[in-house]
Amino acid sequence: MKIQAINEEFLQQIETLQMLVKHNVAGLFGGNHQSKTFGSSCEFSDFRDYMAGDDITKIDWNAYARFDKLYLKLYLDERQMHTKIYIDASRSMEYGNSKKGEQAIKLAAALAYLSVCEMDKVSIYVIREKELIEVIGGMVGKEAFISNIHKLNDIEFGGDSYITDAILPTNVGFGDGMSFLISDFLTDNDYDRVIDHLAGKKRHVVCMQILSREELNPLVRGKMHFFDSEDVNRTYRKHIDKEIAKAYKAALNYVTDRIKSICASRGNDYMLISSEESLGQIFFGKMIEEGVLK
């Protein structure tokens, strides 16, 4: 099912978010990243095409005179990162009145916007079954964001998602940015291998686990008929009492603790996000508390 999450009202929200973040936690997603490889000198390194919004003082006017095209000088302490955002498009992301899927799309858009505002490159993908589908590729700059971000509204949720099988065969780059995995991670499928793979590529991985209010705090009691959100052919009939609810909570804690532990052991970040939380709560509260922003 398609979710219309990106509209003018939402874009106005993240414009405000970007302004606040830029003043309070500047430099986190910057295109002017200090290179751990080369240090922080101002020695010339390379050129790249000029993009709207770039610092005009860094334009190489000699190159313009020769080629009739604007180029920007890059220095050893200025590296354009490539933010890669992966969205789990499985059926379970529709659970909870589709708010999990909507939250995933909004998170992806906000993260992309923060990156393009600092001239980093952004690519957004969906994971469907064992396939990785590019929704937006190599987006740079605000104009490109405005022109392309509506494509997230075309994402449809359904079926299963095999995160590792989808990402492992693809080219993810080495040490050139952040990788965001946005999913509910409620699956029997392996996902720790792809975290190892991305970490091995020296990318900063952030796993963002989105769960609905009903999943975080189920209130159902009595005789219930459940349907597996990933496989509609699997159903369960159960009498839900206090002990069953307690066992569910323990199982949920195991799932969330496991992925948190996997991320921590690889030096990466994990966030548990409710589908009901606002972007403000996430970016100015939770992401700072978890150390993703500072």
C-alpha atoms as a PDB file:
ATOM      1  CA  MET A   1       0.000   0.000   0.000  1.00  0.00           C
ATOM      2  CA  LYS A   2       1.301   3.461  -0.917  1.00  0.00           C
ATOM      3  CA  ILE A   3       1.605   6.076   1.817  1.00  0.00           C
ATOM      4  CA  GLN A   4       1.389   9.800   1.066  1.00  0.00           C
ATOM      5  CA  ALA A   5       3.914  10.935   3.663  1.00  0.00           C
ATOM      6  CA  ILE A   6       5.759  13.646   1.709  1.00  0.00           C
ATOM      7  CA  ASN A   7       3.779  16.829   1.177  1.00  0.00           C
ATOM      8  CA  GLU A   8       4.314  20.570   1.502  1.00  0.00           C
ATOM      9  CA  GLU A   9       3.423  20.576   5.205  1.00  0.00           C
ATOM     10  CA  PHE A  10       6.018  17.882   5.893  1.00  0.00           C
ATOM     11  CA  LEU A  11       8.684  19.721   3.881  1.00  0.00           C
ATOM     12  CA  GLN A  12       8.017  22.835   5.959  1.00  0.00           C
ATOM     13  CA  GLN A  13       8.533  20.764   9.112  1.00  0.00           C
ATOM     14  CA  ILE A  14      11.929  19.461   8.055  1.00  0.00           C
ATOM     15  CA  GLU A  15      12.975  22.925   6.849  1.00  0.00           C
ATOM     16  CA  THR A  16      12.479  24.093  10.436  1.00  0.00           C
ATOM     17  CA  LEU A  17      14.215  20.975  11.712  1.00  0.00           C
ATOM     18  CA  GLN A  18      17.204  21.625   9.491  1.00  0.00           C
ATOM     19  CA  MET A  19      17.492  25.214  10.695  1.00  0.00           C
ATOM     20  CA  LEU A  20      17.399  24.159  14.342  1.00  0.00           C
ATOM     21  CA  VAL A  21      19.860  21.318  13.835  1.00  0.00           C
ATOM     22  CA  LYS A  22      22.239  23.549  11.910  1.00  0.00           C
ATOM     23  CA  HIS A  23      22.379  25.989  14.803  1.00  0.00           C
ATOM     24  CA  ASN A  24      22.574  23.417  17.600  1.00  0.00           C
ATOM     25  CA  VAL A  25      24.506  20.470  16.206  1.00  0.00           C
ATOM     26  CA  ALA A  26      26.326  21.917  13.211  1.00  0.00           C
ATOM     27  CA  GLY A  27      28.678  19.824  11.145  1.00  0.00           C
ATOM     28  CA  LEU A  28      27.211  16.415  11.866  1.00  0.00           C
ATOM     29  CA  PHE A  29      26.170  15.608   8.336  1.00  0.00           C
ATOM     30  CA  GLY A  30      28.521  17.993   6.572  1.00  0.00           C
ATOM     31  CA  GLY A  31      30.009  17.906   3.115  1.00  0.00           C
ATOM     32  CA  ASN A  32      33.031  19.508   4.761  1.00  0.00           C
ATOM     33  CA  HIS A  33      33.974  16.422   6.796  1.00  0.00           C
ATOM     34  CA  GLN A  34      37.435  16.289   8.271  1.00  0.00           C
ATOM     35  CA  SER A  35      39.337  13.462   6.653  1.00  0.00           C
ATOM     36  CA  LYS A  36      40.771  10.924   9.084  1.00  0.00           C
ATOM     37  CA  THR A  37      43.078   9.824   6.292  1.00  0.00           C
ATOM     38  CA  PHE A  38      44.534  13.149   5.288  1.00  0.00           C
ATOM     39  CA  GLY A  39      44.235  15.269   8.421  1.00  0.00           C
ATOM     40  CA  SER A  40      42.814  18.772   8.490  1.00  0.00           C
ATOM     41  CA  SER A  41      45.183  20.735   6.274  1.00  0.00           C
ATOM     42  CA  CYS A  42      43.916  23.104   3.566  1.00  0.00           C
ATOM     43  CA  GLU A  43      46.010  21.480   0.823  1.00  0.00           C
ATOM     44  CA  PHE A  44      44.235  21.212  -2.534  1.00  0.00           C
ATOM     45  CA  SER A  45      42.947  17.723  -3.336  1.00  0.00           C
ATOM     46  CA  ASP A  46      40.497  17.669  -6.262  1.00  0.00           C
ATOM     47  CA  PHE A  47      37.670  19.368  -8.168  1.00  0.00           C
ATOM     48  CA  ARG A  48      33.957  18.709  -8.340  1.00  0.00           C
ATOM     49  CA  ASP A  49      31.110  20.344 -10.245  1.00  0.00           C
ATOM     50  CA  TYR A  50      29.631  23.458  -8.691  1.00  0.00           C
ATOM     51  CA  MET A  51      26.153  22.933  -7.193  1.00  0.00           C
ATOM     52  CA  ALA A  52      23.596  25.601  -6.288  1.00  0.00           C
ATOM     53  CA  GLY A  53      24.230  26.656  -2.701  1.00  0.00           C
ATOM     54  CA  ASP A  54      27.993  25.967  -2.722  1.00  0.00           C
ATOM     55  CA  ASP A  55      30.439  28.505  -1.325  1.00  0.00           C
ATOM     56  CA  ILE A  56      31.276  30.713  -4.332  1.00  0.00           C
ATOM     57  CA  THR A  57      34.639  31.657  -2.786  1.00  0.00           C
ATOM     58  CA  LYS A  58      35.814  28.103  -3.556  1.00  0.00           C
ATOM     59  CA  ILE A  59      35.049  28.314  -7.278  1.00  0.00           C
ATOM     60  CA  ASP A  60      38.138  27.875  -9.455  1.00  0.00           C
ATOM     61  CA  TRP A  61      37.820  30.806 -11.846  1.00  0.00           C
ATOM     62  CA  ASN A  62      40.860  29.729 -13.855  1.00  0.00           C
ATOM     63  CA  ALA A  63      39.128  26.415 -14.600  1.00  0.00           C
ATOM     64  CA  TYR A  64      35.984  28.364 -15.552  1.00  0.00           C
ATOM     65  CA  ALA A  65      37.990  30.467 -18.029  1.00  0.00           C
ATOM     66  CA  ARG A  66      39.378  27.314 -19.656  1.00  0.00           C
ATOM     67  CA  PHE A  67      36.290  25.082 -19.683  1.00  0.00           C
ATOM     68  CA  ASP A  68      33.382  27.560 -19.437  1.00  0.00           C
ATOM     69  CA  LYS A  69      32.021  25.513 -16.513  1.00  0.00           C
ATOM     70  CA  LEU A  70      32.001  26.104 -12.772  1.00  0.00           C
ATOM     71  CA  TYR A  71      34.160  23.818 -10.654  1.00  0.00           C
ATOM     72  CA  LEU A  72      34.682  23.813  -6.901  1.00  0.00           C
ATOM     73  CA  LYS A  73      38.058  23.258  -5.293  1.00  0.00           C
ATOM     74  CA  LEU A  74      38.159  20.476  -2.733  1.00  0.00           C
ATOM     75  CA  TYR A  75      40.763  20.304  -0.003  1.00  0.00           C
ATOM     76  CA  LEU A  76      42.105  17.375   1.945  1.00  0.00           C
ATOM     77  CA  ASP A  77      39.921  18.128   4.942  1.00  0.00           C
ATOM     78  CA  GLU A  78      36.730  18.411   2.890  1.00  0.00           C
ATOM     79  CA  ARG A  79      35.152  15.144   1.784  1.00  0.00           C
ATOM     80  CA  GLN A  80      31.728  14.715   0.300  1.00  0.00           C
ATOM     81  CA  MET A  81      30.147  11.787   2.090  1.00  0.00           C
ATOM     82  CA  HIS A  82      27.564   9.441   0.600  1.00  0.00           C
ATOM     83  CA  THR A  83      24.605   8.816   2.907  1.00  0.00           C
ATOM     84  CA  LYS A  84      22.807   5.560   2.076  1.00  0.00           C
ATOM     85  CA  ILE A  85      19.340   4.959   3.490  1.00  0.00           C
ATOM     86  CA  TYR A  86      17.685   1.530   3.330  1.00  0.00           C
ATOM     87  CA  ILE A  87      13.948   1.154   3.981  1.00  0.00           C
ATOM     88  CA  ASP A  88      12.410  -2.204   4.836  1.00  0.00           C
ATOM     89  CA  ALA A  89       9.339  -2.443   2.572  1.00  0.00           C
ATOM     90  CA  SER A  90       7.939  -5.662   4.056  1.00  0.00           C
ATOM     91  CA  ARG A  91       4.286  -6.187   4.919  1.00  0.00           C
ATOM     92  CA  SER A  92       4.935  -5.938   8.653  1.00  0.00           C
ATOM     93  CA  MET A  93       5.862  -2.268   8.160  1.00  0.00           C
ATOM     94  CA  GLU A  94       2.160  -1.665   7.464  1.00  0.00           C
ATOM     95  CA  TYR A  95       1.186  -2.869  10.932  1.00  0.00           C
ATOM     96  CA  GLY A  96      -0.359  -0.256  13.211  1.00  0.00           C
ATOM     97  CA  ASN A  97      -2.526   1.674  10.736  1.00  0.00           C
ATOM     98  CA  SER A  98       0.453   1.982   8.348  1.00  0.00           C
ATOM     99  CA  LYS A  99       2.203   4.406  10.705  1.00  0.00           C
ATOM    100  CA  LYS A 100       5.386   2.326  10.752  1.00  0.00           C
ATOM    101  CA  GLY A 101       5.764   2.703   7.007  1.00  0.00           C
ATOM    102  CA  GLU A 102       4.917   6.385   7.163  1.00  0.00           C
ATOM    103  CA  GLN A 103       7.430   6.921   9.951  1.00  0.00           C
ATOM    104  CA  ALA A 104      10.103   5.108   7.913  1.00  0.00           C
ATOM    105  CA  ILE A 105       9.478   7.349   4.905  1.00  0.00           C
ATOM    106  CA  LYS A 106       9.530  10.519   6.992  1.00  0.00           C
ATOM    107  CA  LEU A 107      12.754   9.483   8.739  1.00  0.00           C
ATOM    108  CA  ALA A 108      14.395   8.768   5.394  1.00  0.00           C
ATOM    109  CA  ALA A 109      13.313  12.152   4.038  1.00  0.00           C
ATOM    110  CA  ALA A 110      14.528  14.064   7.101  1.00  0.00           C
ATOM    111  CA  LEU A 111      17.892  12.280   7.134  1.00  0.00           C
ATOM    112  CA  ALA A 112      18.275  12.927   3.415  1.00  0.00           C
ATOM    113  CA  TYR A 113      17.469  16.605   3.875  1.00  0.00           C
ATOM    114  CA  LEU A 114      20.034  17.057   6.625  1.00  0.00           C
ATOM    115  CA  SER A 115      22.637  15.486   4.349  1.00  0.00           C
ATOM    116  CA  VAL A 116      21.887  17.478   1.201  1.00  0.00           C
ATOM    117  CA  CYS A 117      21.866  20.723   3.175  1.00  0.00           C
ATOM    118  CA  GLU A 118      25.552  20.085   3.856  1.00  0.00           C
ATOM    119  CA  MET A 119      26.201  19.009   0.249  1.00  0.00           C
ATOM    120  CA  ASP A 120      26.583  15.303   0.963  1.00  0.00           C
ATOM    121  CA  LYS A 121      25.326  12.847  -1.619  1.00  0.00           C
ATOM    122  CA  VAL A 122      22.247  10.761  -0.726  1.00  0.00           C
ATOM    123  CA  SER A 123      20.847   7.514  -2.089  1.00  0.00           C
ATOM    124  CA  ILE A 124      17.627   5.925  -0.822  1.00  0.00           C
ATOM    125  CA  TYR A 125      16.673   2.295  -1.408  1.00  0.00           C
ATOM    126  CA  VAL A 126      13.833  -0.051  -0.527  1.00  0.00           C
ATOM    127  CA  ILE A 127      14.343  -3.696   0.352  1.00  0.00           C
ATOM    128  CA  ARG A 128      11.675  -5.957  -1.112  1.00  0.00           C
ATOM    129  CA  GLU A 129      12.149  -9.724  -0.866  1.00  0.00           C
ATOM    130  CA  LYS A 130      15.814 -10.279  -1.862  1.00  0.00           C
ATOM    131  CA  GLU A 131      15.994  -7.238  -4.101  1.00  0.00           C
ATOM    132  CA  LEU A 132      17.457  -3.812  -3.397  1.00  0.00           C
ATOM    133  CA  ILE A 133      15.574  -1.168  -5.381  1.00  0.00           C
ATOM    134  CA  GLU A 134      16.985   2.326  -5.800  1.00  0.00           C
ATOM    135  CA  VAL A 135      14.329   4.983  -5.250  1.00  0.00           C
ATOM    136  CA  ILE A 136      16.637   8.010  -5.356  1.00  0.00           C
ATOM    137  CA  GLY A 137      20.281   7.792  -6.390  1.00  0.00           C
ATOM    138  CA  GLY A 138      23.168  10.218  -5.919  1.00  0.00           C
ATOM    139  CA  MET A 139      21.032  13.185  -4.866  1.00  0.00           C
ATOM    140  CA  VAL A 140      23.025  16.356  -4.108  1.00  0.00           C
ATOM    141  CA  GLY A 141      21.670  19.763  -3.085  1.00  0.00           C
ATOM    142  CA  LYS A 142      18.320  21.197  -2.054  1.00  0.00           C
ATOM    143  CA  GLU A 143      17.008  21.562  -5.586  1.00  0.00           C
ATOM    144  CA  ALA A 144      17.585  17.881  -6.246  1.00  0.00           C
ATOM    145  CA  PHE A 145      15.902  17.072  -2.929  1.00  0.00           C
ATOM    146  CA  ILE A 146      12.778  19.061  -3.807  1.00  0.00           C
ATOM    147  CA  SER A 147      12.685  17.489  -7.275  1.00  0.00           C
ATOM    148  CA  ASN A 148      13.104  13.891  -6.118  1.00  0.00           C
ATOM    149  CA  ILE A 149      11.892  13.390  -2.559  1.00  0.00           C
ATOM    150  CA  HIS A 150       8.247  12.917  -3.623  1.00  0.00           C
ATOM    151  CA  LYS A 151       9.362   9.557  -5.054  1.00  0.00           C
ATOM    152  CA  LEU A 152       9.223   8.184  -1.513  1.00  0.00           C
ATOM    153  CA  ASN A 153       5.427   8.403  -1.773  1.00  0.00           C
ATOM    154  CA  ASP A 154       5.592   5.677  -4.432  1.00  0.00           C
ATOM    155  CA  ILE A 155       6.993   3.115  -1.992  1.00  0.00           C
ATOM    156  CA  GLU A 156       4.620   0.222  -1.456  1.00  0.00           C
ATOM    157  CA  PHE A 157       4.856  -2.101   1.531  1.00  0.00           C
ATOM    158  CA  GLY A 158       4.164  -5.818   1.178  1.00  0.00           C
ATOM    159  CA  GLY A 159       5.723  -9.260   1.203  1.00  0.00           C
ATOM    160  CA  ASP A 160       8.953 -10.049   3.035  1.00  0.00           C
ATOM    161  CA  SER A 161      12.369  -8.382   3.190  1.00  0.00           C
ATOM    162  CA  TYR A 162      15.697 -10.202   3.283  1.00  0.00           C
ATOM    163  CA  ILE A 163      17.984  -7.374   4.363  1.00  0.00           C
ATOM    164  CA  THR A 164      21.278  -9.210   4.109  1.00  0.00           C
ATOM    165  CA  ASP A 165      20.505 -10.946   0.810  1.00  0.00           C
ATOM    166  CA  ALA A 166      19.475  -7.620  -0.735  1.00  0.00           C
ATOM    167  CA  ILE A 167      22.392  -5.449   0.393  1.00  0.00           C
ATOM    168  CA  LEU A 168      25.412  -7.804   0.410  1.00  0.00           C
ATOM    169  CA  PRO A 169      25.767  -8.112  -3.393  1.00  0.00           C
ATOM    170  CA  THR A 170      25.665  -4.342  -3.935  1.00  0.00           C
ATOM    171  CA  ASN A 171      28.406  -1.733  -4.000  1.00  0.00           C
ATOM    172  CA  VAL A 172      28.229   0.242  -0.756  1.00  0.00           C
ATOM    173  CA  GLY A 173      31.446   2.284  -0.903  1.00  0.00           C
ATOM    174  CA  PHE A 174      34.355   2.286   1.548  1.00  0.00           C
ATOM    175  CA  GLY A 175      34.588   4.745   4.415  1.00  0.00           C
ATOM    176  CA  ASP A 176      32.519   7.333   2.597  1.00  0.00           C
ATOM    177  CA  GLY A 177      29.555   7.979   4.852  1.00  0.00           C
ATOM    178  CA  MET A 178      26.665   6.699   6.900  1.00  0.00           C
ATOM    179  CA  SER A 179      24.302   3.797   6.275  1.00  0.00           C
ATOM    180  CA  PHE A 180      20.839   3.947   7.844  1.00  0.00           C
ATOM    181  CA  LEU A 181      18.858   0.700   8.118  1.00  0.00           C
ATOM    182  CA  ILE A 182      15.199   1.549   8.785  1.00  0.00           C
ATOM    183  CA  SER A 183      13.138  -1.516   9.685  1.00  0.00           C
ATOM    184  CA  ASP A 184      11.077  -3.134  12.417  1.00  0.00           C
ATOM    185  CA  PHE A 185      13.620  -6.005  12.403  1.00  0.00           C
ATOM    186  CA  LEU A 186      10.781  -8.373  13.339  1.00  0.00           C
ATOM    187  CA  THR A 187      11.948 -11.198  11.140  1.00  0.00           C
ATOM    188  CA  ASP A 188      13.513 -14.623  11.308  1.00  0.00           C
ATOM    189  CA  ASN A 189      15.815 -13.567   8.478  1.00  0.00           C
ATOM    190  CA  ASP A 190      19.463 -12.860   9.154  1.00  0.00           C
ATOM    191  CA  TYR A 191      20.455  -9.188   9.345  1.00  0.00           C
ATOM    192  CA  ASP A 192      23.602  -9.199  11.479  1.00  0.00           C
ATOM    193  CA  ARG A 193      25.800 -10.198   8.508  1.00  0.00           C
ATOM    194  CA  VAL A 194      24.924  -7.029   6.625  1.00  0.00           C
ATOM    195  CA  ILE A 195      25.764  -4.918   9.684  1.00  0.00           C
ATOM    196  CA  ASP A 196      29.143  -6.683   9.781  1.00  0.00           C
ATOM    197  CA  HIS A 197      29.557  -6.081   6.048  1.00  0.00           C
ATOM    198  CA  LEU A 198      28.819  -2.357   6.247  1.00  0.00           C
ATOM    199  CA  ALA A 199      30.983  -1.941   9.352  1.00  0.00           C
ATOM    200  CA  GLY A 200      33.756  -3.815   7.553  1.00  0.00           C
ATOM    201  CA  LYS A 201      33.521  -1.222   4.793  1.00  0.00           C
ATOM    202  CA  LYS A 202      34.247   1.431   7.438  1.00  0.00           C
ATOM    203  CA  ARG A 203      30.774   2.930   7.103  1.00  0.00           C
ATOM    204  CA  HIS A 204      28.960   4.304  10.141  1.00  0.00           C
ATOM    205  CA  VAL A 205      25.836   2.172  10.516  1.00  0.00           C
ATOM    206  CA  VAL A 206      22.681   3.346  12.296  1.00  0.00           C
ATOM    207  CA  CYS A 207      19.912   0.770  12.783  1.00  0.00           C
ATOM    208  CA  MET A 208      16.561   2.474  13.338  1.00  0.00           C
ATOM    209  CA  GLN A 209      13.976  -0.008  14.619  1.00  0.00           C
ATOM    210  CA  ILE A 210      10.414   1.255  14.202  1.00  0.00           C
ATOM    211  CA  LEU A 211       7.661  -0.404  16.210  1.00  0.00           C
ATOM    212  CA  SER A 212       4.010   0.494  16.540  1.00  0.00           C
ATOM    213  CA  ARG A 213       2.336   1.439  19.794  1.00  0.00           C
ATOM    214  CA  GLU A 214       0.530  -1.912  19.767  1.00  0.00           C
ATOM    215  CA  GLU A 215       3.821  -3.785  19.395  1.00  0.00           C
ATOM    216  CA  LEU A 216       5.547  -1.848  22.150  1.00  0.00           C
ATOM    217  CA  ASN A 217       2.678  -2.111  24.605  1.00  0.00           C
ATOM    218  CA  PRO A 218      -0.015  -4.613  23.546  1.00  0.00           C
ATOM    219  CA  LEU A 219      -3.240  -4.291  25.490  1.00  0.00           C
ATOM    220  CA  VAL A 220      -5.143  -7.245  23.998  1.00  0.00           C
ATOM    221  CA  ARG A 221      -6.519  -9.878  26.370  1.00  0.00           C
ATOM    222  CA  GLY A 222      -8.746 -12.921  26.010  1.00  0.00           C
ATOM    223  CA  LYS A 223      -9.211 -15.246  23.021  1.00  0.00           C
ATOM    224  CA  MET A 224      -7.513 -13.835  19.949  1.00  0.00           C
ATOM    225  CA  HIS A 225      -6.911 -14.903  16.340  1.00  0.00           C
ATOM    226  CA  PHE A 226      -3.562 -13.616  15.035  1.00  0.00           C
ATOM    227  CA  PHE A 227      -2.286 -13.396  11.460  1.00  0.00           C
ATOM    228  CA  ASP A 228       1.424 -13.353  10.645  1.00  0.00           C
ATOM    229  CA  SER A 229       2.063  -9.969   9.016  1.00  0.00           C
ATOM    230  CA  GLU A 230       4.887 -11.414   6.888  1.00  0.00           C
ATOM    231  CA  ASP A 231       3.052 -14.599   5.844  1.00  0.00           C
ATOM    232  CA  VAL A 232      -0.745 -14.347   5.630  1.00  0.00           C
ATOM    233  CA  ASN A 233      -1.033 -18.139   5.497  1.00  0.00           C
ATOM    234  CA  ARG A 234       0.259 -18.457   9.053  1.00  0.00           C
ATOM    235  CA  THR A 235      -2.336 -17.878  11.752  1.00  0.00           C
ATOM    236  CA  TYR A 236      -2.460 -18.417  15.495  1.00  0.00           C
ATOM    237  CA  ARG A 237      -5.293 -18.798  17.978  1.00  0.00           C
ATOM    238  CA  LYS A 238      -4.337 -17.992  21.532  1.00  0.00           C
ATOM    239  CA  HIS A 239      -5.873 -17.034  24.823  1.00  0.00           C
ATOM    240  CA  ILE A 240      -3.959 -13.941  25.927  1.00  0.00           C
ATOM    241  CA  ASP A 241      -3.561 -13.753  29.684  1.00  0.00           C
ATOM    242  CA  LYS A 242      -1.111 -12.022  31.992  1.00  0.00           C
ATOM    243  CA  GLU A 243       1.552 -14.706  31.583  1.00  0.00           C
ATOM    244  CA  ILE A 244       1.368 -14.624  27.765  1.00  0.00           C
ATOM    245  CA  ALA A 245       1.659 -10.835  27.826  1.00  0.00           C
ATOM    246  CA  LYS A 246       4.686 -11.110  30.101  1.00  0.00           C
ATOM    247  CA  ALA A 247       6.293 -13.686  27.793  1.00  0.00           C
ATOM    248  CA  TYR A 248       5.669 -11.401  24.794  1.00  0.00           C
ATOM    249  CA  LYS A 249       7.363  -8.507  26.566  1.00  0.00           C
ATOM    250  CA  ALA A 250      10.369 -10.701  27.345  1.00  0.00           C
ATOM    251  CA  ALA A 251      10.576 -11.805  23.703  1.00  0.00           C
ATOM    252  CA  LEU A 252      10.349  -8.211  22.497  1.00  0.00           C
ATOM    253  CA  ASN A 253      13.121  -7.176  24.891  1.00  0.00           C
ATOM    254  CA  TYR A 254      15.254 -10.008  23.551  1.00  0.00           C
ATOM    255  CA  VAL A 255      14.771  -8.828  19.962  1.00  0.00           C
ATOM    256  CA  THR A 256      15.545  -5.182  20.713  1.00  0.00           C
ATOM    257  CA  ASP A 257      18.467  -6.008  23.026  1.00  0.00           C
ATOM    258  CA  ARG A 258      19.954  -8.328  20.416  1.00  0.00           C
ATOM    259  CA  ILE A 259      20.121  -5.782  17.629  1.00  0.00           C
ATOM    260  CA  LYS A 260      21.295  -3.101  20.049  1.00  0.00           C
ATOM    261  CA  SER A 261      24.088  -5.414  21.182  1.00  0.00           C
ATOM    262  CA  ILE A 262      25.065  -6.265  17.602  1.00  0.00           C
ATOM    263  CA  CYS A 263      25.336  -2.568  16.732  1.00  0.00           C
ATOM    264  CA  ALA A 264      27.253  -1.668  19.900  1.00  0.00           C
ATOM    265  CA  SER A 265      29.754  -4.492  19.464  1.00  0.00           C
ATOM    266  CA  ARG A 266      30.590  -3.171  15.979  1.00  0.00           C
ATOM    267  CA  GLY A 267      30.893   0.430  17.161  1.00  0.00           C
ATOM    268  CA  ASN A 268      27.649   1.487  15.493  1.00  0.00           C
ATOM    269  CA  ASP A 269      24.370   2.985  16.677  1.00  0.00           C
ATOM    270  CA  TYR A 270      20.889   1.657  17.377  1.00  0.00           C
ATOM    271  CA  MET A 271      17.634   3.489  17.996  1.00  0.00           C
ATOM    272  CA  LEU A 272      14.221   2.167  19.003  1.00  0.00           C
ATOM    273  CA  ILE A 273      11.539   4.461  17.589  1.00  0.00           C
ATOM    274  CA  SER A 274       7.802   4.439  18.081  1.00  0.00           C
ATOM    275  CA  SER A 275       5.673   5.000  15.009  1.00  0.00           C
ATOM    276  CA  GLU A 276       3.845   7.650  17.062  1.00  0.00           C
ATOM    277  CA  GLU A 277       6.892   9.832  17.799  1.00  0.00           C
ATOM    278  CA  SER A 278       7.319  13.185  16.074  1.00  0.00           C
ATOM    279  CA  LEU A 279      10.446  14.170  14.158  1.00  0.00           C
ATOM    280  CA  GLY A 280      11.193  16.714  16.868  1.00  0.00           C
ATOM    281  CA  GLN A 281      11.114  14.041  19.569  1.00  0.00           C
ATOM    282  CA  ILE A 282      13.357  11.809  17.512  1.00  0.00           C
ATOM    283  CA  PHE A 283      15.963  14.318  16.322  1.00  0.00           C
ATOM    284  CA  PHE A 284      16.171  16.644  19.323  1.00  0.00           C
ATOM    285  CA  GLY A 285      15.498  14.048  21.975  1.00  0.00           C
ATOM    286  CA  LYS A 286      16.199  10.438  21.146  1.00  0.00           C
ATOM    287  CA  MET A 287      19.015  10.898  18.631  1.00  0.00           C
ATOM    288  CA  ILE A 288      20.899  13.126  21.031  1.00  0.00           C
ATOM    289  CA  GLU A 289      20.256  10.799  23.986  1.00  0.00           C
ATOM    290  CA  GLU A 290      21.498   7.804  21.980  1.00  0.00           C
ATOM    291  CA  GLY A 291      24.593   9.677  20.839  1.00  0.00           C
ATOM    292  CA  VAL A 292      23.697   9.640  17.138  1.00  0.00           C
ATOM    293  CA  LEU A 293      23.640  13.446  17.301  1.00  0.00           C
ATOM    294  CA  LYS A 294      25.483  15.557  19.819  1.00  0.00           C
END
